[in-house]
Amino acid sequence: NNDSSAGVDGFTLFELMIVLAVISAVVGVTLPYASRSNHVLSTRQDGLNIAQAFQYGIDIAESRNNKVKITLDPVERSYQLLTENQDGWYEPLEGYFGIARRFSQDVSLGNVEGLTRAGDEWQFIIDPAEIFAEADFELRTKEIIIKIIISGRGVKVEETGI
């Protein structure tokens, strides 16, 4: 007659504590990398969204034969598409978005060329009656630089790691 409790397998409290310590160390090491990766992805998406807004503005200016203004506000970290109305004033572009869209809090604008400064904002006016202007600027964080290049009727995005 064998005693069944003598051969019971299991983990001691000490072994469980060692496993938990190893898991905690792995999570502690990988968490900063995951956070950095999220910031990089967010900045990439901001760059693509802003580039898309510029391309859309160019397309709208051409198809409607109407001026389009794109504003970038580095203080509010926002951008907006506006179209010229019959009175020569700019109003939010109907059918796109009427309020300014925001980009990430840790993103700053840098190396702005070809845009006009108006108070806190940078402006880019697309006039279908003229040759389309060229411009470029950067979205910068500690980890990445996204350069948006507006050239004629096209918009290009370049990425540089820091």
C-alpha atoms as a PDB file:
ATOM      1  CA  ASN A   1       0.000   0.000   0.000  1.00  0.00           C
ATOM      2  CA  ASN A   2       1.705   3.206  -1.242  1.00  0.00           C
ATOM      3  CA  ASP A   3       1.177   6.629   0.273  1.00  0.00           C
ATOM      4  CA  SER A   4       0.091   8.819  -2.687  1.00  0.00           C
ATOM      5  CA  SER A   5       1.158  12.098  -1.041  1.00  0.00           C
ATOM      6  CA  ALA A   6       4.853  11.161  -1.038  1.00  0.00           C
ATOM      7  CA  GLY A   7       5.261  11.541  -4.848  1.00  0.00           C
ATOM      8  CA  VAL A   8       3.262  14.782  -5.423  1.00  0.00           C
ATOM      9  CA  ASP A   9       4.996  17.111  -7.850  1.00  0.00           C
ATOM     10  CA  GLY A  10       4.729  20.876  -7.502  1.00  0.00           C
ATOM     11  CA  PHE A  11       6.591  24.132  -7.170  1.00  0.00           C
ATOM     12  CA  THR A  12       7.976  25.518  -4.014  1.00  0.00           C
ATOM     13  CA  LEU A  13       7.254  29.085  -3.015  1.00  0.00           C
ATOM     14  CA  PHE A  14      10.906  29.918  -3.680  1.00  0.00           C
ATOM     15  CA  GLU A  15      10.717  28.612  -7.283  1.00  0.00           C
ATOM     16  CA  LEU A  16       7.554  30.638  -7.958  1.00  0.00           C
ATOM     17  CA  MET A  17       9.218  33.781  -6.611  1.00  0.00           C
ATOM     18  CA  ILE A  18      12.217  33.239  -8.915  1.00  0.00           C
ATOM     19  CA  VAL A  19       9.929  32.848 -11.951  1.00  0.00           C
ATOM     20  CA  LEU A  20       8.017  36.017 -11.039  1.00  0.00           C
ATOM     21  CA  ALA A  21      11.288  37.930 -10.594  1.00  0.00           C
ATOM     22  CA  VAL A  22      12.496  36.840 -14.054  1.00  0.00           C
ATOM     23  CA  ILE A  23       9.173  37.811 -15.674  1.00  0.00           C
ATOM     24  CA  SER A  24       9.266  41.202 -13.921  1.00  0.00           C
ATOM     25  CA  ALA A  25      12.813  41.826 -15.156  1.00  0.00           C
ATOM     26  CA  VAL A  26      11.878  40.968 -18.752  1.00  0.00           C
ATOM     27  CA  VAL A  27       8.832  43.257 -18.651  1.00  0.00           C
ATOM     28  CA  GLY A  28      10.907  46.034 -17.062  1.00  0.00           C
ATOM     29  CA  VAL A  29      13.484  45.830 -19.838  1.00  0.00           C
ATOM     30  CA  THR A  30      11.033  45.632 -22.772  1.00  0.00           C
ATOM     31  CA  LEU A  31       8.475  48.236 -21.628  1.00  0.00           C
ATOM     32  CA  PRO A  32      10.584  51.317 -22.558  1.00  0.00           C
ATOM     33  CA  TYR A  33      11.133  49.866 -26.046  1.00  0.00           C
ATOM     34  CA  ALA A  34       7.416  49.285 -26.508  1.00  0.00           C
ATOM     35  CA  SER A  35       6.678  52.846 -25.391  1.00  0.00           C
ATOM     36  CA  ARG A  36       9.302  54.238 -27.797  1.00  0.00           C
ATOM     37  CA  SER A  37       7.831  52.146 -30.593  1.00  0.00           C
ATOM     38  CA  ASN A  38       4.363  53.587 -29.913  1.00  0.00           C
ATOM     39  CA  HIS A  39       5.728  57.145 -30.110  1.00  0.00           C
ATOM     40  CA  VAL A  40       7.471  56.393 -33.408  1.00  0.00           C
ATOM     41  CA  LEU A  41       4.322  54.827 -34.869  1.00  0.00           C
ATOM     42  CA  SER A  42       2.219  57.764 -33.691  1.00  0.00           C
ATOM     43  CA  THR A  43       4.629  60.274 -35.277  1.00  0.00           C
ATOM     44  CA  ARG A  44       4.675  58.309 -38.532  1.00  0.00           C
ATOM     45  CA  GLN A  45       0.888  58.349 -38.599  1.00  0.00           C
ATOM     46  CA  ASP A  46       0.844  62.104 -37.898  1.00  0.00           C
ATOM     47  CA  GLY A  47       3.209  62.634 -40.833  1.00  0.00           C
ATOM     48  CA  LEU A  48       1.115  60.515 -43.159  1.00  0.00           C
ATOM     49  CA  ASN A  49      -2.102  62.256 -42.075  1.00  0.00           C
ATOM     50  CA  ILE A  50      -0.655  65.722 -42.627  1.00  0.00           C
ATOM     51  CA  ALA A  51       0.822  64.706 -45.991  1.00  0.00           C
ATOM     52  CA  GLN A  52      -2.575  63.316 -46.976  1.00  0.00           C
ATOM     53  CA  ALA A  53      -4.215  66.626 -46.002  1.00  0.00           C
ATOM     54  CA  PHE A  54      -1.754  68.516 -48.231  1.00  0.00           C
ATOM     55  CA  GLN A  55      -2.365  66.133 -51.140  1.00  0.00           C
ATOM     56  CA  TYR A  56      -6.114  66.408 -50.645  1.00  0.00           C
ATOM     57  CA  GLY A  57      -5.828  70.203 -50.590  1.00  0.00           C
ATOM     58  CA  ILE A  58      -3.914  70.146 -53.886  1.00  0.00           C
ATOM     59  CA  ASP A  59      -6.477  67.829 -55.458  1.00  0.00           C
ATOM     60  CA  ILE A  60      -9.403  69.966 -54.252  1.00  0.00           C
ATOM     61  CA  ALA A  61      -7.788  73.196 -55.481  1.00  0.00           C
ATOM     62  CA  GLU A  62      -7.347  71.637 -58.925  1.00  0.00           C
ATOM     63  CA  SER A  63     -10.745  69.968 -59.208  1.00  0.00           C
ATOM     64  CA  ARG A  64     -12.772  72.919 -57.879  1.00  0.00           C
ATOM     65  CA  ASN A  65     -10.501  75.587 -59.358  1.00  0.00           C
ATOM     66  CA  ASN A  66     -10.493  77.276 -55.966  1.00  0.00           C
ATOM     67  CA  LYS A  67      -7.771  78.389 -53.540  1.00  0.00           C
ATOM     68  CA  VAL A  68      -7.112  76.118 -50.571  1.00  0.00           C
ATOM     69  CA  LYS A  69      -5.201  77.139 -47.465  1.00  0.00           C
ATOM     70  CA  ILE A  70      -3.597  74.661 -45.112  1.00  0.00           C
ATOM     71  CA  THR A  71      -2.632  75.895 -41.667  1.00  0.00           C
ATOM     72  CA  LEU A  72      -0.214  74.277 -39.232  1.00  0.00           C
ATOM     73  CA  ASP A  73      -0.282  75.526 -35.654  1.00  0.00           C
ATOM     74  CA  PRO A  74       2.775  74.355 -33.686  1.00  0.00           C
ATOM     75  CA  VAL A  75       1.454  75.830 -30.431  1.00  0.00           C
ATOM     76  CA  GLU A  76      -1.873  74.005 -30.582  1.00  0.00           C
ATOM     77  CA  ARG A  77      -0.244  71.112 -32.490  1.00  0.00           C
ATOM     78  CA  SER A  78      -2.994  71.136 -35.082  1.00  0.00           C
ATOM     79  CA  TYR A  79      -3.613  71.500 -38.806  1.00  0.00           C
ATOM     80  CA  GLN A  80      -6.635  72.447 -40.870  1.00  0.00           C
ATOM     81  CA  LEU A  81      -7.783  72.719 -44.494  1.00  0.00           C
ATOM     82  CA  LEU A  82      -9.656  75.852 -45.500  1.00  0.00           C
ATOM     83  CA  THR A  83     -11.100  76.912 -48.845  1.00  0.00           C
ATOM     84  CA  GLU A  84     -11.618  80.410 -50.162  1.00  0.00           C
ATOM     85  CA  ASN A  85     -15.242  81.512 -50.296  1.00  0.00           C
ATOM     86  CA  GLN A  86     -16.819  84.031 -52.697  1.00  0.00           C
ATOM     87  CA  ASP A  87     -15.892  86.938 -50.410  1.00  0.00           C
ATOM     88  CA  GLY A  88     -12.209  86.002 -50.407  1.00  0.00           C
ATOM     89  CA  TRP A  89     -12.287  84.677 -46.831  1.00  0.00           C
ATOM     90  CA  TYR A  90     -11.144  81.193 -45.891  1.00  0.00           C
ATOM     91  CA  GLU A  91     -13.516  78.788 -44.208  1.00  0.00           C
ATOM     92  CA  PRO A  92     -13.228  75.122 -43.235  1.00  0.00           C
ATOM     93  CA  LEU A  93     -13.296  72.815 -46.220  1.00  0.00           C
ATOM     94  CA  GLU A  94     -16.759  71.300 -46.508  1.00  0.00           C
ATOM     95  CA  GLY A  95     -16.826  67.526 -46.671  1.00  0.00           C
ATOM     96  CA  TYR A  96     -13.384  67.022 -45.117  1.00  0.00           C
ATOM     97  CA  PHE A  97     -13.153  68.270 -41.560  1.00  0.00           C
ATOM     98  CA  GLY A  98     -14.364  71.546 -40.158  1.00  0.00           C
ATOM     99  CA  ILE A  99     -12.294  71.538 -37.025  1.00  0.00           C
ATOM    100  CA  ALA A 100      -8.550  71.434 -36.742  1.00  0.00           C
ATOM    101  CA  ARG A 101      -6.999  68.004 -36.428  1.00  0.00           C
ATOM    102  CA  ARG A 102      -4.326  67.520 -33.827  1.00  0.00           C
ATOM    103  CA  PHE A 103      -0.984  65.784 -33.932  1.00  0.00           C
ATOM    104  CA  SER A 104       0.883  64.171 -31.024  1.00  0.00           C
ATOM    105  CA  GLN A 105       1.940  66.215 -28.012  1.00  0.00           C
ATOM    106  CA  ASP A 106       5.628  65.313 -28.250  1.00  0.00           C
ATOM    107  CA  VAL A 107       5.858  66.388 -31.924  1.00  0.00           C
ATOM    108  CA  SER A 108       7.318  69.749 -32.885  1.00  0.00           C
ATOM    109  CA  LEU A 109       7.673  71.473 -36.265  1.00  0.00           C
ATOM    110  CA  GLY A 110      11.134  72.228 -37.592  1.00  0.00           C
ATOM    111  CA  ASN A 111      13.042  73.385 -40.677  1.00  0.00           C
ATOM    112  CA  VAL A 112       9.960  74.987 -42.229  1.00  0.00           C
ATOM    113  CA  GLU A 113      10.536  76.278 -45.764  1.00  0.00           C
ATOM    114  CA  GLY A 114       8.023  77.587 -48.285  1.00  0.00           C
ATOM    115  CA  LEU A 115       5.227  78.170 -45.774  1.00  0.00           C
ATOM    116  CA  THR A 116       4.202  81.649 -44.628  1.00  0.00           C
ATOM    117  CA  ARG A 117       4.209  82.621 -40.970  1.00  0.00           C
ATOM    118  CA  ALA A 118       0.999  84.278 -39.723  1.00  0.00           C
ATOM    119  CA  GLY A 119       1.013  84.742 -35.953  1.00  0.00           C
ATOM    120  CA  ASP A 120       1.477  81.347 -34.352  1.00  0.00           C
ATOM    121  CA  GLU A 121       0.512  79.479 -37.534  1.00  0.00           C
ATOM    122  CA  TRP A 122       2.293  78.416 -40.662  1.00  0.00           C
ATOM    123  CA  GLN A 123       0.186  78.701 -43.816  1.00  0.00           C
ATOM    124  CA  PHE A 124       0.409  77.188 -47.260  1.00  0.00           C
ATOM    125  CA  ILE A 125      -1.906  78.498 -49.970  1.00  0.00           C
ATOM    126  CA  ILE A 126      -2.616  76.392 -53.025  1.00  0.00           C
ATOM    127  CA  ASP A 127      -3.761  78.583 -55.904  1.00  0.00           C
ATOM    128  CA  PRO A 128      -4.780  76.671 -59.056  1.00  0.00           C
ATOM    129  CA  ALA A 129      -4.292  79.863 -61.108  1.00  0.00           C
ATOM    130  CA  GLU A 130      -0.559  79.850 -60.312  1.00  0.00           C
ATOM    131  CA  ILE A 131       2.274  77.366 -60.444  1.00  0.00           C
ATOM    132  CA  PHE A 132       1.970  75.260 -57.310  1.00  0.00           C
ATOM    133  CA  ALA A 133       4.495  76.303 -54.701  1.00  0.00           C
ATOM    134  CA  GLU A 134       7.102  74.044 -53.201  1.00  0.00           C
ATOM    135  CA  ALA A 135       7.575  73.657 -49.479  1.00  0.00           C
ATOM    136  CA  ASP A 136       8.868  71.280 -46.857  1.00  0.00           C
ATOM    137  CA  PHE A 137       8.906  70.947 -43.108  1.00  0.00           C
ATOM    138  CA  GLU A 138       9.704  68.390 -40.454  1.00  0.00           C
ATOM    139  CA  LEU A 139       7.778  66.764 -37.643  1.00  0.00           C
ATOM    140  CA  ARG A 140      10.352  66.065 -34.938  1.00  0.00           C
ATOM    141  CA  THR A 141      10.448  63.951 -31.793  1.00  0.00           C
ATOM    142  CA  LYS A 142      13.340  62.574 -29.764  1.00  0.00           C
ATOM    143  CA  GLU A 143      13.221  59.346 -31.763  1.00  0.00           C
ATOM    144  CA  ILE A 144      12.331  60.271 -35.333  1.00  0.00           C
ATOM    145  CA  ILE A 145      12.100  63.045 -37.929  1.00  0.00           C
ATOM    146  CA  ILE A 146       9.346  62.929 -40.545  1.00  0.00           C
ATOM    147  CA  LYS A 147       9.977  65.300 -43.451  1.00  0.00           C
ATOM    148  CA  ILE A 148       6.998  66.308 -45.582  1.00  0.00           C
ATOM    149  CA  ILE A 149       7.894  67.627 -49.024  1.00  0.00           C
ATOM    150  CA  ILE A 150       5.343  69.423 -51.200  1.00  0.00           C
ATOM    151  CA  SER A 151       6.584  69.659 -54.767  1.00  0.00           C
ATOM    152  CA  GLY A 152       4.254  70.832 -57.497  1.00  0.00           C
ATOM    153  CA  ARG A 153       1.205  68.612 -57.402  1.00  0.00           C
ATOM    154  CA  GLY A 154       2.742  65.892 -55.275  1.00  0.00           C
ATOM    155  CA  VAL A 155       3.502  65.280 -51.615  1.00  0.00           C
ATOM    156  CA  LYS A 156       6.242  63.003 -50.360  1.00  0.00           C
ATOM    157  CA  VAL A 157       7.113  61.764 -46.861  1.00  0.00           C
ATOM    158  CA  GLU A 158      10.659  60.883 -45.762  1.00  0.00           C
ATOM    159  CA  GLU A 159      11.667  59.390 -42.429  1.00  0.00           C
ATOM    160  CA  THR A 160      14.921  59.697 -40.524  1.00  0.00           C
ATOM    161  CA  GLY A 161      15.729  58.029 -37.227  1.00  0.00           C
ATOM    162  CA  ILE A 162      17.653  59.921 -34.576  1.00  0.00           C
END
